[in-house]
Amino acid sequence: MSVTLADVLTSLAYRLGEDQSPSDANEKARRVRFINEAYRKVIIRAYWWFTEASADFNSVANRANYDTTDGFPSDYRDMIELRLDDKVYTYIPQSKVFGLYDSTMQIFNYDDLISNKHWYVFDNTLTLLPTPTTSGTDNIVMKYWKFPTSVTTDAGTFLIPDQFIDCLDAYAYARIAQLDTMRGDAADGLSEFNSIMEDMMVENNRRKIFNKSARVIPNDFIVD
């Protein structure tokens, strides 16, 4: 993932029959916007392997909620796995959680949660149930899918692997062609973009299939 925004702009210029990225700031800004538009469209299409991330932060005794000021990632999209003190917490639907809330007493009725550990996210805030009773250091461990930020500097890079990066300039080329009423070129660009998306989806599915059998073996189970 070493291809930069400058590289994508140069590839786009070549597609347009130009020798280099434009020096005009307004035209460059337009092209950068189209490239990031393509980037967003790629990311929201699937839970890609290259958007997997991890984070860890501290639990606080008698505190259930954790937001970005506590270490909950600001680029969070969805959870893969969450552990507290190496114990797996499972997702609980918000509708069920809110059904447990007693508004008159301002408490939760935990009777059916005592034997289980759950999490949910509301308004970009993580809630753990039951509430941790002790504080810890980096003991809330998350694996999650993230939303990357737009790339705006020439040296900025994309999460998309290099072998699929042509989808960005293909889409940007199509958008420029649309504005210039070159419908045939626009259709060609979008066709290439969708073709690369299909290849990426095949790779994404392949990784999911093979990763199902991948496990980390604890040291305790290694026999000399």
C-alpha atoms as a PDB file:
ATOM      1  CA  MET A   1       0.000   0.000   0.000  1.00  0.00           C
ATOM      2  CA  SER A   2       2.651   2.478  -1.107  1.00  0.00           C
ATOM      3  CA  VAL A   3       0.757   4.181  -3.943  1.00  0.00           C
ATOM      4  CA  THR A   4       0.301   7.865  -3.100  1.00  0.00           C
ATOM      5  CA  LEU A   5      -2.305  10.406  -4.092  1.00  0.00           C
ATOM      6  CA  ALA A   6       0.304  11.955  -6.362  1.00  0.00           C
ATOM      7  CA  ASP A   7       0.700   8.583  -8.119  1.00  0.00           C
ATOM      8  CA  VAL A   8      -3.059   8.269  -8.658  1.00  0.00           C
ATOM      9  CA  LEU A   9      -3.230  11.835  -9.989  1.00  0.00           C
ATOM     10  CA  THR A  10      -0.435  11.049 -12.438  1.00  0.00           C
ATOM     11  CA  SER A  11      -2.195   7.876 -13.623  1.00  0.00           C
ATOM     12  CA  LEU A  12      -5.389   9.864 -14.071  1.00  0.00           C
ATOM     13  CA  ALA A  13      -3.514  12.491 -16.098  1.00  0.00           C
ATOM     14  CA  TYR A  14      -2.140   9.776 -18.389  1.00  0.00           C
ATOM     15  CA  ARG A  15      -5.664   8.448 -18.941  1.00  0.00           C
ATOM     16  CA  LEU A  16      -6.701  11.945 -19.989  1.00  0.00           C
ATOM     17  CA  GLY A  17      -3.809  12.222 -22.465  1.00  0.00           C
ATOM     18  CA  GLU A  18      -1.788  14.589 -20.293  1.00  0.00           C
ATOM     19  CA  ASP A  19       1.901  14.414 -19.380  1.00  0.00           C
ATOM     20  CA  GLN A  20       1.480  15.189 -15.678  1.00  0.00           C
ATOM     21  CA  SER A  21      -0.931  16.128 -12.933  1.00  0.00           C
ATOM     22  CA  PRO A  22      -2.392  19.620 -13.489  1.00  0.00           C
ATOM     23  CA  SER A  23      -0.685  22.627 -11.939  1.00  0.00           C
ATOM     24  CA  ASP A  24      -3.984  24.476 -11.687  1.00  0.00           C
ATOM     25  CA  ALA A  25      -5.123  24.248  -8.053  1.00  0.00           C
ATOM     26  CA  ASN A  26      -8.831  24.205  -8.850  1.00  0.00           C
ATOM     27  CA  GLU A  27      -8.539  21.415 -11.396  1.00  0.00           C
ATOM     28  CA  LYS A  28      -6.332  19.397  -9.066  1.00  0.00           C
ATOM     29  CA  ALA A  29      -8.858  19.863  -6.236  1.00  0.00           C
ATOM     30  CA  ARG A  30     -11.632  18.621  -8.529  1.00  0.00           C
ATOM     31  CA  ARG A  31      -9.687  15.484  -9.379  1.00  0.00           C
ATOM     32  CA  VAL A  32      -8.756  14.831  -5.745  1.00  0.00           C
ATOM     33  CA  ARG A  33     -12.426  15.073  -4.852  1.00  0.00           C
ATOM     34  CA  PHE A  34     -13.343  12.479  -7.502  1.00  0.00           C
ATOM     35  CA  ILE A  35     -10.571  10.172  -6.303  1.00  0.00           C
ATOM     36  CA  ASN A  36     -11.828  10.356  -2.714  1.00  0.00           C
ATOM     37  CA  GLU A  37     -15.378   9.839  -3.935  1.00  0.00           C
ATOM     38  CA  ALA A  38     -14.165   6.600  -5.494  1.00  0.00           C
ATOM     39  CA  TYR A  39     -12.340   5.710  -2.270  1.00  0.00           C
ATOM     40  CA  ARG A  40     -15.534   6.081  -0.240  1.00  0.00           C
ATOM     41  CA  LYS A  41     -17.521   4.001  -2.712  1.00  0.00           C
ATOM     42  CA  VAL A  42     -14.964   1.213  -2.449  1.00  0.00           C
ATOM     43  CA  ILE A  43     -14.917   1.205   1.347  1.00  0.00           C
ATOM     44  CA  ILE A  44     -18.685   1.123   1.875  1.00  0.00           C
ATOM     45  CA  ARG A  45     -19.194  -1.722  -0.566  1.00  0.00           C
ATOM     46  CA  ALA A  46     -17.928  -4.445   1.802  1.00  0.00           C
ATOM     47  CA  TYR A  47     -16.113  -5.267   5.020  1.00  0.00           C
ATOM     48  CA  TRP A  48     -12.698  -5.444   3.368  1.00  0.00           C
ATOM     49  CA  TRP A  49      -9.743  -7.300   4.834  1.00  0.00           C
ATOM     50  CA  PHE A  50      -7.604  -4.162   4.454  1.00  0.00           C
ATOM     51  CA  THR A  51      -9.900  -2.140   6.733  1.00  0.00           C
ATOM     52  CA  GLU A  52      -9.407  -4.471   9.701  1.00  0.00           C
ATOM     53  CA  ALA A  53      -7.846  -2.705  12.680  1.00  0.00           C
ATOM     54  CA  SER A  54      -7.280  -3.102  16.407  1.00  0.00           C
ATOM     55  CA  ALA A  55      -7.352  -0.858  19.446  1.00  0.00           C
ATOM     56  CA  ASP A  56      -6.897  -1.234  23.184  1.00  0.00           C
ATOM     57  CA  PHE A  57      -7.654   1.086  26.070  1.00  0.00           C
ATOM     58  CA  ASN A  58      -8.236   1.063  29.810  1.00  0.00           C
ATOM     59  CA  SER A  59     -11.271  -0.079  31.738  1.00  0.00           C
ATOM     60  CA  VAL A  60     -12.428   2.092  34.637  1.00  0.00           C
ATOM     61  CA  ALA A  61     -14.041   0.580  37.705  1.00  0.00           C
ATOM     62  CA  ASN A  62     -17.834   0.996  37.826  1.00  0.00           C
ATOM     63  CA  ARG A  63     -17.888   2.643  34.421  1.00  0.00           C
ATOM     64  CA  ALA A  64     -19.783   1.104  31.511  1.00  0.00           C
ATOM     65  CA  ASN A  65     -19.400   3.714  28.738  1.00  0.00           C
ATOM     66  CA  TYR A  66     -16.274   4.523  26.691  1.00  0.00           C
ATOM     67  CA  ASP A  67     -16.046   7.088  23.897  1.00  0.00           C
ATOM     68  CA  THR A  68     -13.248   8.484  21.732  1.00  0.00           C
ATOM     69  CA  THR A  69     -11.787  10.468  24.629  1.00  0.00           C
ATOM     70  CA  ASP A  70     -11.216   7.154  26.412  1.00  0.00           C
ATOM     71  CA  GLY A  71      -9.593   5.425  23.442  1.00  0.00           C
ATOM     72  CA  PHE A  72     -12.586   4.099  21.537  1.00  0.00           C
ATOM     73  CA  PRO A  73     -11.479   4.535  17.899  1.00  0.00           C
ATOM     74  CA  SER A  74     -12.903   7.512  16.021  1.00  0.00           C
ATOM     75  CA  ASP A  75     -12.712   5.569  12.741  1.00  0.00           C
ATOM     76  CA  TYR A  76     -14.906   2.732  14.057  1.00  0.00           C
ATOM     77  CA  ARG A  77     -17.299   1.133  11.571  1.00  0.00           C
ATOM     78  CA  ASP A  78     -18.236  -2.277  13.049  1.00  0.00           C
ATOM     79  CA  MET A  79     -16.904  -4.754  15.572  1.00  0.00           C
ATOM     80  CA  ILE A  80     -15.083  -7.979  14.760  1.00  0.00           C
ATOM     81  CA  GLU A  81     -14.269  -9.007  18.327  1.00  0.00           C
ATOM     82  CA  LEU A  82     -14.153  -7.403  21.757  1.00  0.00           C
ATOM     83  CA  ARG A  83     -12.447  -8.712  24.892  1.00  0.00           C
ATOM     84  CA  LEU A  84     -12.135  -7.415  28.429  1.00  0.00           C
ATOM     85  CA  ASP A  85      -9.365  -9.010  30.473  1.00  0.00           C
ATOM     86  CA  ASP A  86      -9.122 -11.582  27.649  1.00  0.00           C
ATOM     87  CA  LYS A  87     -12.766 -12.600  28.102  1.00  0.00           C
ATOM     88  CA  VAL A  88     -14.882 -12.412  24.951  1.00  0.00           C
ATOM     89  CA  TYR A  89     -17.878 -10.088  25.056  1.00  0.00           C
ATOM     90  CA  THR A  90     -20.773 -10.735  22.663  1.00  0.00           C
ATOM     91  CA  TYR A  91     -22.958  -8.219  20.881  1.00  0.00           C
ATOM     92  CA  ILE A  92     -26.376  -7.455  22.356  1.00  0.00           C
ATOM     93  CA  PRO A  93     -29.005  -5.575  20.296  1.00  0.00           C
ATOM     94  CA  GLN A  94     -29.745  -2.111  21.578  1.00  0.00           C
ATOM     95  CA  SER A  95     -33.463  -2.854  21.548  1.00  0.00           C
ATOM     96  CA  LYS A  96     -32.901  -5.591  24.115  1.00  0.00           C
ATOM     97  CA  VAL A  97     -30.670  -3.411  26.238  1.00  0.00           C
ATOM     98  CA  PHE A  98     -33.113  -0.520  26.295  1.00  0.00           C
ATOM     99  CA  GLY A  99     -35.862  -2.966  27.220  1.00  0.00           C
ATOM    100  CA  LEU A 100     -33.879  -3.798  30.367  1.00  0.00           C
ATOM    101  CA  TYR A 101     -33.726  -0.176  31.462  1.00  0.00           C
ATOM    102  CA  ASP A 102     -36.000   0.896  34.304  1.00  0.00           C
ATOM    103  CA  SER A 103     -36.569   4.609  33.702  1.00  0.00           C
ATOM    104  CA  THR A 104     -38.248   5.115  37.065  1.00  0.00           C
ATOM    105  CA  MET A 105     -35.275   3.787  39.027  1.00  0.00           C
ATOM    106  CA  GLN A 106     -32.616   4.880  36.500  1.00  0.00           C
ATOM    107  CA  ILE A 107     -31.038   1.416  36.575  1.00  0.00           C
ATOM    108  CA  PHE A 108     -30.685  -1.650  34.413  1.00  0.00           C
ATOM    109  CA  ASN A 109     -32.243  -4.958  35.358  1.00  0.00           C
ATOM    110  CA  TYR A 110     -29.266  -7.292  34.957  1.00  0.00           C
ATOM    111  CA  ASP A 111     -30.830 -10.564  36.020  1.00  0.00           C
ATOM    112  CA  ASP A 112     -30.594 -12.139  32.559  1.00  0.00           C
ATOM    113  CA  LEU A 113     -27.120 -10.712  31.934  1.00  0.00           C
ATOM    114  CA  ILE A 114     -25.266 -11.939  34.986  1.00  0.00           C
ATOM    115  CA  SER A 115     -24.018 -15.110  33.324  1.00  0.00           C
ATOM    116  CA  ASN A 116     -23.074 -13.358  30.072  1.00  0.00           C
ATOM    117  CA  LYS A 117     -20.905 -10.465  28.996  1.00  0.00           C
ATOM    118  CA  HIS A 118     -22.130  -8.099  26.302  1.00  0.00           C
ATOM    119  CA  TRP A 119     -21.296  -4.943  24.405  1.00  0.00           C
ATOM    120  CA  TYR A 120     -23.100  -2.496  22.170  1.00  0.00           C
ATOM    121  CA  VAL A 121     -22.234   0.799  20.475  1.00  0.00           C
ATOM    122  CA  PHE A 122     -24.557   3.789  20.453  1.00  0.00           C
ATOM    123  CA  ASP A 123     -23.615   7.278  19.239  1.00  0.00           C
ATOM    124  CA  ASN A 124     -19.994   6.167  18.800  1.00  0.00           C
ATOM    125  CA  THR A 125     -19.820   5.157  22.455  1.00  0.00           C
ATOM    126  CA  LEU A 126     -19.022   1.624  23.582  1.00  0.00           C
ATOM    127  CA  THR A 127     -21.047   0.190  26.470  1.00  0.00           C
ATOM    128  CA  LEU A 128     -19.999  -2.903  28.403  1.00  0.00           C
ATOM    129  CA  LEU A 129     -22.512  -5.041  30.287  1.00  0.00           C
ATOM    130  CA  PRO A 130     -22.216  -5.816  33.116  1.00  0.00           C
ATOM    131  CA  THR A 131     -20.213  -2.734  34.117  1.00  0.00           C
ATOM    132  CA  PRO A 132     -16.532  -3.515  34.860  1.00  0.00           C
ATOM    133  CA  THR A 133     -15.888  -3.629  38.579  1.00  0.00           C
ATOM    134  CA  THR A 134     -12.136  -3.017  38.372  1.00  0.00           C
ATOM    135  CA  SER A 135      -9.818  -0.711  36.464  1.00  0.00           C
ATOM    136  CA  GLY A 136      -7.234  -2.078  34.071  1.00  0.00           C
ATOM    137  CA  THR A 137      -4.524  -1.027  31.626  1.00  0.00           C
ATOM    138  CA  ASP A 138      -5.049  -1.677  27.905  1.00  0.00           C
ATOM    139  CA  ASN A 139      -7.388  -4.496  28.921  1.00  0.00           C
ATOM    140  CA  ILE A 140     -10.281  -3.556  26.615  1.00  0.00           C
ATOM    141  CA  VAL A 141      -9.095  -5.023  23.319  1.00  0.00           C
ATOM    142  CA  MET A 142     -10.996  -4.482  20.071  1.00  0.00           C
ATOM    143  CA  LYS A 143     -10.686  -5.876  16.586  1.00  0.00           C
ATOM    144  CA  TYR A 144     -12.847  -3.870  14.234  1.00  0.00           C
ATOM    145  CA  TRP A 145     -13.460  -2.624  10.709  1.00  0.00           C
ATOM    146  CA  LYS A 146     -12.651   1.027  10.198  1.00  0.00           C
ATOM    147  CA  PHE A 147     -13.687   3.933   8.005  1.00  0.00           C
ATOM    148  CA  PRO A 148     -10.511   5.546   6.604  1.00  0.00           C
ATOM    149  CA  THR A 149     -10.240   9.288   6.191  1.00  0.00           C
ATOM    150  CA  SER A 150      -9.986  11.044   2.846  1.00  0.00           C
ATOM    151  CA  VAL A 151      -6.522  11.405   1.335  1.00  0.00           C
ATOM    152  CA  THR A 152      -5.721  15.045   0.609  1.00  0.00           C
ATOM    153  CA  THR A 153      -1.918  15.393   0.528  1.00  0.00           C
ATOM    154  CA  ASP A 154       0.274  14.296  -2.370  1.00  0.00           C
ATOM    155  CA  ALA A 155       2.224  11.920  -0.112  1.00  0.00           C
ATOM    156  CA  GLY A 156      -0.936  10.432   1.429  1.00  0.00           C
ATOM    157  CA  THR A 157      -1.603   6.742   0.803  1.00  0.00           C
ATOM    158  CA  PHE A 158      -4.706   4.582   0.557  1.00  0.00           C
ATOM    159  CA  LEU A 159      -5.687   1.403   2.401  1.00  0.00           C
ATOM    160  CA  ILE A 160      -6.540  -0.283  -0.895  1.00  0.00           C
ATOM    161  CA  PRO A 161      -3.772  -2.729  -1.897  1.00  0.00           C
ATOM    162  CA  ASP A 162      -1.613  -1.551  -4.773  1.00  0.00           C
ATOM    163  CA  GLN A 163      -2.817  -4.240  -7.182  1.00  0.00           C
ATOM    164  CA  PHE A 164      -6.363  -2.836  -6.987  1.00  0.00           C
ATOM    165  CA  ILE A 165      -5.563   0.882  -6.799  1.00  0.00           C
ATOM    166  CA  ASP A 166      -6.419   1.522 -10.466  1.00  0.00           C
ATOM    167  CA  CYS A 167     -10.075   1.522  -9.444  1.00  0.00           C
ATOM    168  CA  LEU A 168      -9.581   5.063  -8.118  1.00  0.00           C
ATOM    169  CA  ASP A 169      -8.302   6.710 -11.273  1.00  0.00           C
ATOM    170  CA  ALA A 170     -10.734   4.637 -13.380  1.00  0.00           C
ATOM    171  CA  TYR A 171     -13.663   6.055 -11.419  1.00  0.00           C
ATOM    172  CA  ALA A 172     -12.259   9.601 -11.439  1.00  0.00           C
ATOM    173  CA  TYR A 173     -11.731   9.333 -15.208  1.00  0.00           C
ATOM    174  CA  ALA A 174     -15.371   8.281 -15.606  1.00  0.00           C
ATOM    175  CA  ARG A 175     -16.611  11.218 -13.520  1.00  0.00           C
ATOM    176  CA  ILE A 176     -14.564  13.704 -15.538  1.00  0.00           C
ATOM    177  CA  ALA A 177     -15.815  12.144 -18.777  1.00  0.00           C
ATOM    178  CA  GLN A 178     -19.397  12.447 -17.539  1.00  0.00           C
ATOM    179  CA  LEU A 179     -18.965  16.169 -16.949  1.00  0.00           C
ATOM    180  CA  ASP A 180     -17.379  16.581 -20.358  1.00  0.00           C
ATOM    181  CA  THR A 181     -20.341  14.683 -21.912  1.00  0.00           C
ATOM    182  CA  MET A 182     -18.055  11.917 -23.162  1.00  0.00           C
ATOM    183  CA  ARG A 183     -20.512   9.170 -22.288  1.00  0.00           C
ATOM    184  CA  GLY A 184     -18.599   6.388 -23.999  1.00  0.00           C
ATOM    185  CA  ASP A 185     -15.413   7.145 -22.049  1.00  0.00           C
ATOM    186  CA  ALA A 186     -17.444   7.495 -18.863  1.00  0.00           C
ATOM    187  CA  ALA A 187     -19.007   4.071 -19.405  1.00  0.00           C
ATOM    188  CA  ASP A 188     -15.569   2.550 -20.028  1.00  0.00           C
ATOM    189  CA  GLY A 189     -14.203   4.041 -16.811  1.00  0.00           C
ATOM    190  CA  LEU A 190     -17.116   2.822 -14.710  1.00  0.00           C
ATOM    191  CA  SER A 191     -16.921  -0.604 -16.330  1.00  0.00           C
ATOM    192  CA  GLU A 192     -13.250  -0.866 -15.356  1.00  0.00           C
ATOM    193  CA  PHE A 193     -14.040   0.345 -11.831  1.00  0.00           C
ATOM    194  CA  ASN A 194     -16.741  -2.304 -11.388  1.00  0.00           C
ATOM    195  CA  SER A 195     -14.492  -5.004 -12.849  1.00  0.00           C
ATOM    196  CA  ILE A 196     -11.775  -4.218 -10.305  1.00  0.00           C
ATOM    197  CA  MET A 197     -14.426  -4.235  -7.576  1.00  0.00           C
ATOM    198  CA  GLU A 198     -15.398  -7.759  -8.627  1.00  0.00           C
ATOM    199  CA  ASP A 199     -11.763  -8.879  -8.426  1.00  0.00           C
ATOM    200  CA  MET A 200     -11.447  -7.342  -4.970  1.00  0.00           C
ATOM    201  CA  MET A 201     -14.613  -9.082  -3.819  1.00  0.00           C
ATOM    202  CA  VAL A 202     -13.238 -12.433  -4.990  1.00  0.00           C
ATOM    203  CA  GLU A 203     -10.085 -11.810  -2.979  1.00  0.00           C
ATOM    204  CA  ASN A 204     -12.101 -10.672   0.040  1.00  0.00           C
ATOM    205  CA  ASN A 205     -14.216 -13.839  -0.051  1.00  0.00           C
ATOM    206  CA  ARG A 206     -11.135 -16.020  -0.520  1.00  0.00           C
ATOM    207  CA  ARG A 207      -9.534 -14.553   2.591  1.00  0.00           C
ATOM    208  CA  LYS A 208     -12.703 -15.092   4.643  1.00  0.00           C
ATOM    209  CA  ILE A 209     -12.862 -18.746   3.624  1.00  0.00           C
ATOM    210  CA  PHE A 210      -9.234 -19.502   4.395  1.00  0.00           C
ATOM    211  CA  ASN A 211      -9.082 -17.409   7.559  1.00  0.00           C
ATOM    212  CA  LYS A 212     -11.907 -19.447   9.104  1.00  0.00           C
ATOM    213  CA  SER A 213      -9.465 -22.271   9.729  1.00  0.00           C
ATOM    214  CA  ALA A 214      -6.673 -20.028  10.999  1.00  0.00           C
ATOM    215  CA  ARG A 215      -6.176 -20.088  14.760  1.00  0.00           C
ATOM    216  CA  VAL A 216      -3.491 -18.822  17.112  1.00  0.00           C
ATOM    217  CA  ILE A 217      -2.300 -21.700  19.296  1.00  0.00           C
ATOM    218  CA  PRO A 218      -1.689 -20.714  22.937  1.00  0.00           C
ATOM    219  CA  ASN A 219       1.779 -21.519  24.240  1.00  0.00           C
ATOM    220  CA  ASP A 220       0.226 -23.813  26.857  1.00  0.00           C
ATOM    221  CA  PHE A 221      -0.862 -26.183  24.105  1.00  0.00           C
ATOM    222  CA  ILE A 222       2.521 -26.413  22.381  1.00  0.00           C
ATOM    223  CA  VAL A 223       4.207 -29.717  23.141  1.00  0.00           C
ATOM    224  CA  ASP A 224       7.956 -30.094  22.654  1.00  0.00           C
END
